[in-house]
Amino acid sequence: MSVQEWTAVIGVAVSLVLGLGPWMLSVHAKLAVIATRLEEISRRLDELAASHDKRLAMCIEHQSRLESHAVQLAELADAVRQA
């Protein structure tokens, strides 16, 4: 290849880089923002899942207490009826 052909090839390559560079930079910036938001959402979901597990355990405990109270109330009602 001659010097003129190399100059044309390099010119086209530089033009492509200069034309696509700003677009690629803006896409990279948008992807960085999206990645940051996804990390925040993931962290929040983990916190919500932990909170849900804790509340679920509390609800199960309260349900068992309510059931034991219902049994005690039924026994008390039977005792009152017999008396």
PDB file of N, CA and C in Angstrom:
ATOM      1  N   MET A   1       0.846  -1.180   0.000  1.00  0.00           N
ATOM      2  CA  MET A   1       0.000   0.000   0.000  1.00  0.00           C
ATOM      3  C   MET A   1       0.886   1.236   0.000  1.00  0.00           C
ATOM      4  N   SER A   2       0.384   2.227  -0.702  1.00  0.00           N
ATOM      5  CA  SER A   2       1.154   3.464  -0.808  1.00  0.00           C
ATOM      6  C   SER A   2       0.841   4.375   0.373  1.00  0.00           C
ATOM      7  N   VAL A   3       1.566   5.431   0.482  1.00  0.00           N
ATOM      8  CA  VAL A   3       1.392   6.396   1.564  1.00  0.00           C
ATOM      9  C   VAL A   3       0.010   7.031   1.478  1.00  0.00           C
ATOM     10  N   GLN A   4      -0.482   7.297   0.297  1.00  0.00           N
ATOM     11  CA  GLN A   4      -1.799   7.915   0.135  1.00  0.00           C
ATOM     12  C   GLN A   4      -2.905   6.973   0.608  1.00  0.00           C
ATOM     13  N   GLU A   5      -2.751   5.677   0.317  1.00  0.00           N
ATOM     14  CA  GLU A   5      -3.758   4.717   0.779  1.00  0.00           C
ATOM     15  C   GLU A   5      -3.742   4.591   2.298  1.00  0.00           C
ATOM     16  N   TRP A   6      -2.536   4.555   2.868  1.00  0.00           N
ATOM     17  CA  TRP A   6      -2.427   4.503   4.329  1.00  0.00           C
ATOM     18  C   TRP A   6      -3.024   5.758   4.960  1.00  0.00           C
ATOM     19  N   THR A   7      -2.798   6.890   4.353  1.00  0.00           N
ATOM     20  CA  THR A   7      -3.357   8.152   4.860  1.00  0.00           C
ATOM     21  C   THR A   7      -4.872   8.104   4.818  1.00  0.00           C
ATOM     22  N   ALA A   8      -5.434   7.557   3.744  1.00  0.00           N
ATOM     23  CA  ALA A   8      -6.894   7.443   3.630  1.00  0.00           C
ATOM     24  C   ALA A   8      -7.438   6.478   4.679  1.00  0.00           C
ATOM     25  N   VAL A   9      -6.793   5.353   4.890  1.00  0.00           N
ATOM     26  CA  VAL A   9      -7.247   4.375   5.878  1.00  0.00           C
ATOM     27  C   VAL A   9      -7.180   4.970   7.286  1.00  0.00           C
ATOM     28  N   ILE A  10      -6.080   5.617   7.605  1.00  0.00           N
ATOM     29  CA  ILE A  10      -5.929   6.243   8.925  1.00  0.00           C
ATOM     30  C   ILE A  10      -6.951   7.364   9.096  1.00  0.00           C
ATOM     31  N   GLY A  11      -7.203   8.128   8.066  1.00  0.00           N
ATOM     32  CA  GLY A  11      -8.199   9.203   8.132  1.00  0.00           C
ATOM     33  C   GLY A  11      -9.594   8.672   8.405  1.00  0.00           C
ATOM     34  N   VAL A  12      -9.957   7.569   7.740  1.00  0.00           N
ATOM     35  CA  VAL A  12     -11.268   6.960   7.968  1.00  0.00           C
ATOM     36  C   VAL A  12     -11.349   6.427   9.395  1.00  0.00           C
ATOM     37  N   ALA A  13     -10.274   5.787   9.859  1.00  0.00           N
ATOM     38  CA  ALA A  13     -10.269   5.248  11.225  1.00  0.00           C
ATOM     39  C   ALA A  13     -10.396   6.364  12.251  1.00  0.00           C
ATOM     40  N   VAL A  14      -9.665   7.453  12.065  1.00  0.00           N
ATOM     41  CA  VAL A  14      -9.745   8.585  12.996  1.00  0.00           C
ATOM     42  C   VAL A  14     -11.137   9.190  12.948  1.00  0.00           C
ATOM     43  N   SER A  15     -11.712   9.312  11.793  1.00  0.00           N
ATOM     44  CA  SER A  15     -13.069   9.862  11.670  1.00  0.00           C
ATOM     45  C   SER A  15     -14.082   8.987  12.405  1.00  0.00           C
ATOM     46  N   LEU A  16     -13.934   7.669  12.264  1.00  0.00           N
ATOM     47  CA  LEU A  16     -14.833   6.756  12.970  1.00  0.00           C
ATOM     48  C   LEU A  16     -14.684   6.901  14.486  1.00  0.00           C
ATOM     49  N   VAL A  17     -13.455   6.969  14.948  1.00  0.00           N
ATOM     50  CA  VAL A  17     -13.218   7.107  16.387  1.00  0.00           C
ATOM     51  C   VAL A  17     -13.779   8.426  16.896  1.00  0.00           C
ATOM     52  N   LEU A  18     -13.548   9.490  16.161  1.00  0.00           N
ATOM     53  CA  LEU A  18     -14.057  10.796  16.585  1.00  0.00           C
ATOM     54  C   LEU A  18     -15.586  10.859  16.508  1.00  0.00           C
ATOM     55  N   GLY A  19     -16.147  10.136  15.572  1.00  0.00           N
ATOM     56  CA  GLY A  19     -17.604  10.130  15.438  1.00  0.00           C
ATOM     57  C   GLY A  19     -18.286   9.248  16.469  1.00  0.00           C
ATOM     58  N   LEU A  20     -17.697   8.100  16.749  1.00  0.00           N
ATOM     59  CA  LEU A  20     -18.301   7.157  17.686  1.00  0.00           C
ATOM     60  C   LEU A  20     -17.878   7.375  19.139  1.00  0.00           C
ATOM     61  N   GLY A  21     -16.769   8.061  19.334  1.00  0.00           N
ATOM     62  CA  GLY A  21     -16.247   8.268  20.687  1.00  0.00           C
ATOM     63  C   GLY A  21     -17.240   8.918  21.643  1.00  0.00           C
ATOM     64  N   PRO A  22     -17.802  10.065  21.298  1.00  0.00           N
ATOM     65  CA  PRO A  22     -18.751  10.704  22.220  1.00  0.00           C
ATOM     66  C   PRO A  22     -19.997   9.849  22.474  1.00  0.00           C
ATOM     67  N   TRP A  23     -20.472   9.176  21.430  1.00  0.00           N
ATOM     68  CA  TRP A  23     -21.628   8.298  21.600  1.00  0.00           C
ATOM     69  C   TRP A  23     -21.292   7.157  22.553  1.00  0.00           C
ATOM     70  N   MET A  24     -20.128   6.543  22.362  1.00  0.00           N
ATOM     71  CA  MET A  24     -19.722   5.454  23.241  1.00  0.00           C
ATOM     72  C   MET A  24     -19.540   5.939  24.675  1.00  0.00           C
ATOM     73  N   LEU A  25     -19.048   7.140  24.845  1.00  0.00           N
ATOM     74  CA  LEU A  25     -18.873   7.706  26.178  1.00  0.00           C
ATOM     75  C   LEU A  25     -20.223   7.938  26.851  1.00  0.00           C
ATOM     76  N   SER A  26     -21.194   8.441  26.100  1.00  0.00           N
ATOM     77  CA  SER A  26     -22.520   8.658  26.692  1.00  0.00           C
ATOM     78  C   SER A  26     -23.193   7.329  27.031  1.00  0.00           C
ATOM     79  N   VAL A  27     -23.027   6.326  26.178  1.00  0.00           N
ATOM     80  CA  VAL A  27     -23.587   5.002  26.471  1.00  0.00           C
ATOM     81  C   VAL A  27     -22.931   4.420  27.719  1.00  0.00           C
ATOM     82  N   HIS A  28     -21.625   4.572  27.825  1.00  0.00           N
ATOM     83  CA  HIS A  28     -20.907   4.082  29.004  1.00  0.00           C
ATOM     84  C   HIS A  28     -21.405   4.773  30.271  1.00  0.00           C
ATOM     85  N   ALA A  29     -21.626   6.081  30.196  1.00  0.00           N
ATOM     86  CA  ALA A  29     -22.119   6.821  31.362  1.00  0.00           C
ATOM     87  C   ALA A  29     -23.520   6.356  31.750  1.00  0.00           C
ATOM     88  N   LYS A  30     -24.378   6.151  30.767  1.00  0.00           N
ATOM     89  CA  LYS A  30     -25.732   5.670  31.058  1.00  0.00           C
ATOM     90  C   LYS A  30     -25.700   4.276  31.668  1.00  0.00           C
ATOM     91  N   LEU A  31     -24.834   3.414  31.157  1.00  0.00           N
ATOM     92  CA  LEU A  31     -24.709   2.071  31.716  1.00  0.00           C
ATOM     93  C   LEU A  31     -24.172   2.108  33.143  1.00  0.00           C
ATOM     94  N   ALA A  32     -23.284   3.040  33.431  1.00  0.00           N
ATOM     95  CA  ALA A  32     -22.764   3.173  34.789  1.00  0.00           C
ATOM     96  C   ALA A  32     -23.877   3.607  35.746  1.00  0.00           C
ATOM     97  N   VAL A  33     -24.739   4.519  35.301  1.00  0.00           N
ATOM     98  CA  VAL A  33     -25.865   4.953  36.132  1.00  0.00           C
ATOM     99  C   VAL A  33     -26.824   3.790  36.362  1.00  0.00           C
ATOM    100  N   ILE A  34     -27.113   3.036  35.329  1.00  0.00           N
ATOM    101  CA  ILE A  34     -28.013   1.886  35.452  1.00  0.00           C
ATOM    102  C   ILE A  34     -27.422   0.850  36.403  1.00  0.00           C
ATOM    103  N   ALA A  35     -26.126   0.591  36.292  1.00  0.00           N
ATOM    104  CA  ALA A  35     -25.476  -0.382  37.182  1.00  0.00           C
ATOM    105  C   ALA A  35     -25.555   0.074  38.632  1.00  0.00           C
ATOM    106  N   THR A  36     -25.362   1.356  38.869  1.00  0.00           N
ATOM    107  CA  THR A  36     -25.459   1.892  40.234  1.00  0.00           C
ATOM    108  C   THR A  36     -26.873   1.748  40.772  1.00  0.00           C
ATOM    109  N   ARG A  37     -27.856   2.048  39.953  1.00  0.00           N
ATOM    110  CA  ARG A  37     -29.247   1.904  40.392  1.00  0.00           C
ATOM    111  C   ARG A  37     -29.598   0.448  40.663  1.00  0.00           C
ATOM    112  N   LEU A  38     -29.104  -0.459  39.843  1.00  0.00           N
ATOM    113  CA  LEU A  38     -29.361  -1.882  40.064  1.00  0.00           C
ATOM    114  C   LEU A  38     -28.736  -2.362  41.370  1.00  0.00           C
ATOM    115  N   GLU A  39     -27.548  -1.862  41.690  1.00  0.00           N
ATOM    116  CA  GLU A  39     -26.922  -2.219  42.960  1.00  0.00           C
ATOM    117  C   GLU A  39     -27.761  -1.719  44.127  1.00  0.00           C
ATOM    118  N   GLU A  40     -28.280  -0.504  44.023  1.00  0.00           N
ATOM    119  CA  GLU A  40     -29.120   0.064  45.086  1.00  0.00           C
ATOM    120  C   GLU A  40     -30.408  -0.740  45.232  1.00  0.00           C
ATOM    121  N   ILE A  41     -31.014  -1.093  44.118  1.00  0.00           N
ATOM    122  CA  ILE A  41     -32.246  -1.885  44.161  1.00  0.00           C
ATOM    123  C   ILE A  41     -31.966  -3.259  44.763  1.00  0.00           C
ATOM    124  N   SER A  42     -30.848  -3.847  44.406  1.00  0.00           N
ATOM    125  CA  SER A  42     -30.486  -5.151  44.958  1.00  0.00           C
ATOM    126  C   SER A  42     -30.295  -5.065  46.465  1.00  0.00           C
ATOM    127  N   ARG A  43     -29.642  -4.019  46.931  1.00  0.00           N
ATOM    128  CA  ARG A  43     -29.434  -3.833  48.369  1.00  0.00           C
ATOM    129  C   ARG A  43     -30.767  -3.663  49.075  1.00  0.00           C
ATOM    130  N   ARG A  44     -31.652  -2.866  48.503  1.00  0.00           N
ATOM    131  CA  ARG A  44     -32.968  -2.656  49.111  1.00  0.00           C
ATOM    132  C   ARG A  44     -33.774  -3.945  49.144  1.00  0.00           C
ATOM    133  N   LEU A  45     -33.700  -4.726  48.072  1.00  0.00           N
ATOM    134  CA  LEU A  45     -34.417  -6.003  48.049  1.00  0.00           C
ATOM    135  C   LEU A  45     -33.893  -6.955  49.118  1.00  0.00           C
ATOM    136  N   ASP A  46     -32.575  -6.958  49.314  1.00  0.00           N
ATOM    137  CA  ASP A  46     -32.006  -7.802  50.365  1.00  0.00           C
ATOM    138  C   ASP A  46     -32.504  -7.371  51.739  1.00  0.00           C
ATOM    139  N   GLU A  47     -32.560  -6.053  51.965  1.00  0.00           N
ATOM    140  CA  GLU A  47     -33.067  -5.544  53.242  1.00  0.00           C
ATOM    141  C   GLU A  47     -34.536  -5.906  53.422  1.00  0.00           C
ATOM    142  N   LEU A  48     -35.319  -5.768  52.362  1.00  0.00           N
ATOM    143  CA  LEU A  48     -36.739  -6.105  52.453  1.00  0.00           C
ATOM    144  C   LEU A  48     -36.951  -7.597  52.696  1.00  0.00           C
ATOM    145  N   ALA A  49     -36.142  -8.423  52.067  1.00  0.00           N
ATOM    146  CA  ALA A  49     -36.260  -9.867  52.274  1.00  0.00           C
ATOM    147  C   ALA A  49     -35.932 -10.235  53.716  1.00  0.00           C
ATOM    148  N   ALA A  50     -34.895  -9.622  54.269  1.00  0.00           N
ATOM    149  CA  ALA A  50     -34.537  -9.889  55.666  1.00  0.00           C
ATOM    150  C   ALA A  50     -35.644  -9.407  56.600  1.00  0.00           C
ATOM    151  N   SER A  51     -36.182  -8.246  56.315  1.00  0.00           N
ATOM    152  CA  SER A  51     -37.272  -7.714  57.133  1.00  0.00           C
ATOM    153  C   SER A  51     -38.503  -8.607  57.033  1.00  0.00           C
ATOM    154  N   HIS A  52     -38.790  -9.093  55.829  1.00  0.00           N
ATOM    155  CA  HIS A  52     -39.938  -9.975  55.635  1.00  0.00           C
ATOM    156  C   HIS A  52     -39.764 -11.275  56.412  1.00  0.00           C
ATOM    157  N   ASP A  53     -38.567 -11.844  56.363  1.00  0.00           N
ATOM    158  CA  ASP A  53     -38.314 -13.084  57.103  1.00  0.00           C
ATOM    159  C   ASP A  53     -38.512 -12.874  58.600  1.00  0.00           C
ATOM    160  N   LYS A  54     -38.044 -11.730  59.099  1.00  0.00           N
ATOM    161  CA  LYS A  54     -38.195 -11.428  60.528  1.00  0.00           C
ATOM    162  C   LYS A  54     -39.675 -11.280  60.881  1.00  0.00           C
ATOM    163  N   ARG A  55     -40.410 -10.548  60.054  1.00  0.00           N
ATOM    164  CA  ARG A  55     -41.837 -10.340  60.334  1.00  0.00           C
ATOM    165  C   ARG A  55     -42.631 -11.633  60.168  1.00  0.00           C
ATOM    166  N   LEU A  56     -42.234 -12.465  59.234  1.00  0.00           N
ATOM    167  CA  LEU A  56     -42.906 -13.739  59.051  1.00  0.00           C
ATOM    168  C   LEU A  56     -42.750 -14.613  60.291  1.00  0.00           C
ATOM    169  N   ALA A  57     -41.538 -14.626  60.847  1.00  0.00           N
ATOM    170  CA  ALA A  57     -41.307 -15.394  62.076  1.00  0.00           C
ATOM    171  C   ALA A  57     -42.171 -14.845  63.214  1.00  0.00           C
ATOM    172  N   MET A  58     -42.283 -13.519  63.288  1.00  0.00           N
ATOM    173  CA  MET A  58     -43.127 -12.917  64.332  1.00  0.00           C
ATOM    174  C   MET A  58     -44.589 -13.294  64.121  1.00  0.00           C
ATOM    175  N   CYS A  59     -45.048 -13.279  62.888  1.00  0.00           N
ATOM    176  CA  CYS A  59     -46.443 -13.624  62.598  1.00  0.00           C
ATOM    177  C   CYS A  59     -46.733 -15.081  62.959  1.00  0.00           C
ATOM    178  N   ILE A  60     -45.799 -15.964  62.655  1.00  0.00           N
ATOM    179  CA  ILE A  60     -45.985 -17.375  62.996  1.00  0.00           C
ATOM    180  C   ILE A  60     -46.058 -17.537  64.506  1.00  0.00           C
ATOM    181  N   GLU A  61     -45.186 -16.836  65.218  1.00  0.00           N
ATOM    182  CA  GLU A  61     -45.201 -16.897  66.686  1.00  0.00           C
ATOM    183  C   GLU A  61     -46.523 -16.363  67.236  1.00  0.00           C
ATOM    184  N   HIS A  62     -46.980 -15.249  66.720  1.00  0.00           N
ATOM    185  CA  HIS A  62     -48.250 -14.673  67.184  1.00  0.00           C
ATOM    186  C   HIS A  62     -49.419 -15.596  66.866  1.00  0.00           C
ATOM    187  N   GLN A  63     -49.382 -16.219  65.682  1.00  0.00           N
ATOM    188  CA  GLN A  63     -50.447 -17.150  65.312  1.00  0.00           C
ATOM    189  C   GLN A  63     -50.509 -18.317  66.285  1.00  0.00           C
ATOM    190  N   SER A  64     -49.344 -18.845  66.647  1.00  0.00           N
ATOM    191  CA  SER A  64     -49.341 -19.966  67.598  1.00  0.00           C
ATOM    192  C   SER A  64     -49.841 -19.515  68.966  1.00  0.00           C
ATOM    193  N   ARG A  65     -49.505 -18.292  69.356  1.00  0.00           N
ATOM    194  CA  ARG A  65     -50.028 -17.763  70.626  1.00  0.00           C
ATOM    195  C   ARG A  65     -51.547 -17.616  70.573  1.00  0.00           C
ATOM    196  N   LEU A  66     -52.045 -17.104  69.464  1.00  0.00           N
ATOM    197  CA  LEU A  66     -53.496 -16.944  69.322  1.00  0.00           C
ATOM    198  C   LEU A  66     -54.201 -18.296  69.376  1.00  0.00           C
ATOM    199  N   GLU A  67     -53.599 -19.285  68.733  1.00  0.00           N
ATOM    200  CA  GLU A  67     -54.200 -20.620  68.765  1.00  0.00           C
ATOM    201  C   GLU A  67     -54.200 -21.193  70.179  1.00  0.00           C
ATOM    202  N   SER A  68     -53.121 -20.968  70.931  1.00  0.00           N
ATOM    203  CA  SER A  68     -53.095 -21.463  72.318  1.00  0.00           C
ATOM    204  C   SER A  68     -54.102 -20.705  73.174  1.00  0.00           C
ATOM    205  N   HIS A  69     -54.269 -19.412  72.910  1.00  0.00           N
ATOM    206  CA  HIS A  69     -55.288 -18.645  73.640  1.00  0.00           C
ATOM    207  C   HIS A  69     -56.688 -19.141  73.296  1.00  0.00           C
ATOM    208  N   ALA A  70     -56.898 -19.477  72.033  1.00  0.00           N
ATOM    209  CA  ALA A  70     -58.208 -19.985  71.635  1.00  0.00           C
ATOM    210  C   ALA A  70     -58.508 -21.299  72.353  1.00  0.00           C
ATOM    211  N   VAL A  71     -57.502 -22.155  72.484  1.00  0.00           N
ATOM    212  CA  VAL A  71     -57.685 -23.421  73.204  1.00  0.00           C
ATOM    213  C   VAL A  71     -57.986 -23.137  74.670  1.00  0.00           C
ATOM    214  N   GLN A  72     -57.252 -22.217  75.258  1.00  0.00           N
ATOM    215  CA  GLN A  72     -57.481 -21.875  76.668  1.00  0.00           C
ATOM    216  C   GLN A  72     -58.876 -21.280  76.869  1.00  0.00           C
ATOM    217  N   LEU A  73     -59.298 -20.432  75.935  1.00  0.00           N
ATOM    218  CA  LEU A  73     -60.641 -19.839  76.046  1.00  0.00           C
ATOM    219  C   LEU A  73     -61.717 -20.910  75.885  1.00  0.00           C
ATOM    220  N   ALA A  74     -61.496 -21.857  74.994  1.00  0.00           N
ATOM    221  CA  ALA A  74     -62.466 -22.942  74.815  1.00  0.00           C
ATOM    222  C   ALA A  74     -62.551 -23.787  76.082  1.00  0.00           C
ATOM    223  N   GLU A  75     -61.408 -24.072  76.702  1.00  0.00           N
ATOM    224  CA  GLU A  75     -61.410 -24.823  77.953  1.00  0.00           C
ATOM    225  C   GLU A  75     -62.107 -24.038  79.060  1.00  0.00           C
ATOM    226  N   LEU A  76     -61.858 -22.746  79.107  1.00  0.00           N
ATOM    227  CA  LEU A  76     -62.517 -21.891  80.112  1.00  0.00           C
ATOM    228  C   LEU A  76     -64.020 -21.844  79.873  1.00  0.00           C
ATOM    229  N   ALA A  77     -64.444 -21.758  78.618  1.00  0.00           N
ATOM    230  CA  ALA A  77     -65.869 -21.743  78.311  1.00  0.00           C
ATOM    231  C   ALA A  77     -66.521 -23.067  78.723  1.00  0.00           C
ATOM    232  N   ASP A  78     -65.833 -24.173  78.494  1.00  0.00           N
ATOM    233  CA  ASP A  78     -66.350 -25.479  78.919  1.00  0.00           C
ATOM    234  C   ASP A  78     -66.464 -25.549  80.451  1.00  0.00           C
ATOM    235  N   ALA A  79     -65.468 -24.999  81.127  1.00  0.00           N
ATOM    236  CA  ALA A  79     -65.495 -25.006  82.597  1.00  0.00           C
ATOM    237  C   ALA A  79     -66.645 -24.159  83.126  1.00  0.00           C
ATOM    238  N   VAL A  80     -66.916 -23.027  82.461  1.00  0.00           N
ATOM    239  CA  VAL A  80     -68.007 -22.148  82.890  1.00  0.00           C
ATOM    240  C   VAL A  80     -69.348 -22.838  82.627  1.00  0.00           C
ATOM    241  N   ARG A  81     -69.485 -23.521  81.508  1.00  0.00           N
ATOM    242  CA  ARG A  81     -70.722 -24.219  81.207  1.00  0.00           C
ATOM    243  C   ARG A  81     -70.989 -25.343  82.211  1.00  0.00           C
ATOM    244  N   GLN A  82     -69.940 -26.019  82.626  1.00  0.00           N
ATOM    245  CA  GLN A  82     -70.097 -27.121  83.574  1.00  0.00           C
ATOM    246  C   GLN A  82     -70.429 -26.623  84.976  1.00  0.00           C
ATOM    247  N   ALA A  83     -70.046 -25.405  85.273  1.00  0.00           N
ATOM    248  CA  ALA A  83     -70.260 -24.888  86.621  1.00  0.00           C
ATOM    249  C   ALA A  83     -71.628 -24.346  86.839  1.00  0.00           C
TER     250      ALA A  83
END
